[in-house]
C-alpha cells in the first residue's frame, strides 16, 4: 500500500467532529479499513451510539472490539495492506481504570505497538484537560491519565490535529 500517512492523532472535545474527520482521513487511503473500537455498551444510549457509528462507517470497514487489549489488536491488525482507526483512546483509558489495570504499563505497550505497526494508524482521543479542575480524586486521576496518554501518543505520531467545531487545527504537521 502506498500512503504518505504513517500515524495520526485526532484530538477534540465532545462532538467536535474528531471521529468523522478520522474516518474521512482513513477512507482517503488505500487498503482494508480496520476499526478498533474501545467503547463498551453498558446502557441503551451507548448501544445506540455504537450502532449509529457502525452504520455510518459502512461495509468497507471491519470492526474489532478492543476495550482493553488495544496494543495487542494493533499488533495483530496493522499490516502494509490495512489502515487501522482506533476510536477512542479516552474510552480505553476509562476501561483500563475501571478494570484496575496499570495505565502507565498499558500506555507503554501501546506506544511499542504503534512504533512497530506496519501500516498507518489513526487514533482518536478526547482532550479533557481544557475545563475546570474536577472536584473529586477519581475524575482528576482520569483527566491526568487521559492527558498523559495523549502526550505519549502525540510525541510518537507524525501528525496531530485538534478539532474545534468540526474544523481541524494542525498541531503537528507531518514531515
Protein backbone atom coordinates (compact mmCIF):
# COMPACT_ATOMS: atom_id res chain seq x y z
CA UNK A 1 0.00 0.00 0.00
CA UNK A 2 1.38 3.39 -0.84
CA UNK A 3 0.47 6.04 1.70
CA UNK A 4 2.01 9.29 2.83
CA UNK A 5 0.38 8.88 6.23
CA UNK A 6 2.02 6.85 8.94
CA UNK A 7 0.32 7.68 12.24
CA UNK A 8 -2.16 10.44 13.02
CA UNK A 9 -3.65 11.57 16.36
CA UNK A 10 -7.01 13.36 16.18
CA UNK A 11 -7.91 15.20 19.39
CA UNK A 12 -11.01 17.17 20.27
CA UNK A 13 -13.81 17.74 22.71
CA UNK A 14 -17.19 16.04 22.73
CA UNK A 15 -18.99 16.39 19.39
CA UNK A 16 -16.08 18.27 17.85
CA UNK A 17 -16.06 16.17 14.66
CA UNK A 18 -12.95 14.15 15.56
CA UNK A 19 -14.38 10.71 14.69
CA UNK A 20 -15.84 11.93 11.40
CA UNK A 21 -12.54 13.60 10.48
CA UNK A 22 -10.50 10.49 11.39
CA UNK A 23 -12.86 8.27 9.40
CA UNK A 24 -12.56 10.54 6.36
CA UNK A 25 -8.77 10.53 6.57
CA UNK A 26 -8.77 6.73 6.81
CA UNK A 27 -11.18 6.29 3.91
CA UNK A 28 -8.98 8.51 1.72
CA UNK A 29 -6.21 5.91 1.98
CA UNK A 30 -5.88 2.71 0.00
CA UNK A 31 -6.21 -0.56 1.85
CA UNK A 32 -8.51 -2.56 4.05
CA UNK A 33 -10.12 -0.47 6.81
CA UNK A 34 -10.00 -1.84 10.36
CA UNK A 35 -11.89 -0.04 13.13
CA UNK A 36 -10.61 -0.84 16.63
CA UNK A 37 -13.46 0.06 18.97
CA UNK A 38 -12.80 0.68 22.65
CA UNK A 39 -16.41 1.55 23.57
CA UNK A 40 -18.41 -0.82 25.70
CA UNK A 41 -22.21 -0.80 25.61
CA UNK A 42 -23.20 -0.65 29.27
CA UNK A 43 -26.54 1.11 28.64
CA UNK A 44 -29.12 1.71 25.91
CA UNK A 45 -27.79 5.15 25.00
CA UNK A 46 -24.28 3.80 24.41
CA UNK A 47 -25.64 0.83 22.43
CA UNK A 48 -27.44 3.34 20.18
CA UNK A 49 -24.27 5.45 19.72
CA UNK A 50 -22.27 2.36 18.79
CA UNK A 51 -24.94 1.24 16.28
CA UNK A 52 -25.01 4.70 14.65
CA UNK A 53 -21.21 4.81 14.36
CA UNK A 54 -21.14 1.32 12.85
CA UNK A 55 -23.86 2.16 10.32
CA UNK A 56 -22.07 5.40 9.39
CA UNK A 57 -18.86 3.51 8.63
CA UNK A 58 -20.48 1.26 6.08
CA UNK A 59 -19.47 -2.08 4.57
CA UNK A 60 -15.86 -1.18 3.70
CA UNK A 61 -14.99 -1.32 7.40
CA UNK A 62 -14.24 -4.32 9.62
CA UNK A 63 -14.87 -3.68 13.29
CA UNK A 64 -12.80 -5.26 16.06
CA UNK A 65 -13.79 -4.68 19.66
CA UNK A 66 -10.73 -3.92 21.78
CA UNK A 67 -11.87 -2.31 25.03
CA UNK A 68 -8.70 -3.26 26.92
CA UNK A 69 -6.19 -5.05 24.66
CA UNK A 70 -5.64 -2.19 22.24
CA UNK A 71 -1.88 -2.68 21.83
CA UNK A 72 -2.37 -6.33 21.00
CA UNK A 73 -5.09 -5.52 18.46
CA UNK A 74 -2.84 -3.01 16.69
CA UNK A 75 -0.09 -5.62 16.55
CA UNK A 76 -2.47 -8.17 15.01
CA UNK A 77 -4.31 -5.94 12.53
CA UNK A 78 -1.68 -3.43 11.39
CA UNK A 79 -0.24 -4.57 8.07
CA UNK A 80 1.04 -2.76 4.98
CA UNK A 81 -2.37 -3.52 3.39
CA UNK A 82 -4.53 -2.10 6.22
CA UNK A 83 -5.47 1.25 7.68
CA UNK A 84 -6.25 0.98 11.39
CA UNK A 85 -8.52 3.50 13.11
CA UNK A 86 -8.56 3.48 16.92
CA UNK A 87 -11.63 5.15 18.43
CA UNK A 88 -11.06 6.13 21.12
CA UNK A 89 -8.10 6.35 23.50
CA UNK A 90 -10.15 8.19 26.13
CA UNK A 91 -12.66 5.36 26.46
CA UNK A 92 -9.73 2.95 26.54
CA UNK A 93 -8.26 4.91 29.47
CA UNK A 94 -11.59 4.73 31.26
CA UNK A 95 -11.80 0.97 30.60
CA UNK A 96 -8.29 0.46 31.97
CA UNK A 97 -9.10 2.39 35.13
CA UNK A 98 -12.39 0.53 35.69
CA UNK A 99 -10.55 -2.77 35.24
CA UNK A 100 -7.86 -1.55 37.69
CA UNK A 101 -5.13 -2.04 35.08
CA UNK A 102 -1.76 -0.31 35.22
CA UNK A 103 -2.40 2.60 32.84
CA UNK A 104 1.28 3.52 32.53
CA UNK A 105 2.23 -0.04 31.55
CA UNK A 106 -0.68 -0.24 29.10
CA UNK A 107 0.33 3.07 27.52
CA UNK A 108 3.90 1.83 27.17
CA UNK A 109 2.58 -1.26 25.43
CA UNK A 110 0.50 0.91 23.13
CA UNK A 111 3.48 3.08 22.16
CA UNK A 112 5.54 -0.06 21.46
CA UNK A 113 2.80 -1.47 19.22
CA UNK A 114 2.48 1.85 17.36
CA UNK A 115 6.23 2.02 16.85
CA UNK A 116 6.16 -1.47 15.36
CA UNK A 117 2.94 -1.01 13.34
CA UNK A 118 3.42 -1.96 9.71
CA UNK A 119 0.69 0.28 8.31
CA UNK A 120 -0.93 3.62 9.07
CA UNK A 121 -2.74 4.00 12.39
CA UNK A 122 -5.17 6.84 13.10
CA UNK A 123 -6.01 7.39 16.76
CA UNK A 124 -8.90 9.43 18.18
CA UNK A 125 -8.87 10.89 21.70
CA UNK A 126 -10.76 13.47 23.70
CA UNK A 127 -8.92 16.49 25.00
CA UNK A 128 -10.28 16.56 28.55
CA UNK A 129 -7.81 19.00 30.12
CA UNK A 130 -9.32 22.25 28.85
CA UNK A 131 -12.02 22.57 31.50
CA UNK A 132 -12.11 23.24 35.20
CA UNK A 133 -10.22 21.10 37.69
CA UNK A 134 -12.54 18.23 38.64
CA UNK A 135 -13.88 18.25 42.18
CA UNK A 136 -13.04 14.64 43.06
CA UNK A 137 -9.94 12.47 43.09
CA UNK A 138 -11.21 9.87 40.59
CA UNK A 139 -12.13 12.49 38.00
CA UNK A 140 -8.77 14.25 38.48
CA UNK A 141 -6.96 10.94 38.08
CA UNK A 142 -8.91 10.20 34.89
CA UNK A 143 -8.07 13.64 33.47
CA UNK A 144 -4.40 13.08 34.32
CA UNK A 145 -4.31 9.58 32.81
CA UNK A 146 -6.02 10.73 29.60
CA UNK A 147 -3.65 13.71 29.35
CA UNK A 148 -0.57 11.51 29.78
CA UNK A 149 -1.79 9.08 27.13
CA UNK A 150 -2.41 11.95 24.72
CA UNK A 151 1.08 13.34 25.36
CA UNK A 152 2.76 9.96 24.79
CA UNK A 153 0.87 9.33 21.56
CA UNK A 154 1.32 12.91 20.28
CA UNK A 155 5.07 12.60 20.78
CA UNK A 156 5.12 9.39 18.72
CA UNK A 157 2.85 10.16 15.76
CA UNK A 158 3.96 12.03 12.67
CA UNK A 159 0.83 14.21 12.56
CA UNK A 160 -1.61 15.54 15.17
CA UNK A 161 -4.71 17.69 14.76
CA UNK A 162 -7.29 19.04 17.19
CA UNK A 163 -10.87 19.55 16.15
CA UNK A 164 -12.90 22.62 17.08
CA UNK A 165 -16.49 22.93 15.79
CA UNK A 166 -15.74 20.43 13.02
CA UNK A 167 -12.62 22.27 11.89
CA UNK A 168 -9.15 20.70 12.12
CA UNK A 169 -6.29 22.72 13.57
CA UNK A 170 -2.86 21.23 12.85
CA UNK A 171 -0.78 20.74 15.99
CA UNK A 172 1.98 18.66 14.49
CA UNK A 173 2.37 18.69 10.73
CA UNK A 174 3.51 15.52 9.03
CA UNK A 175 7.05 15.67 7.71
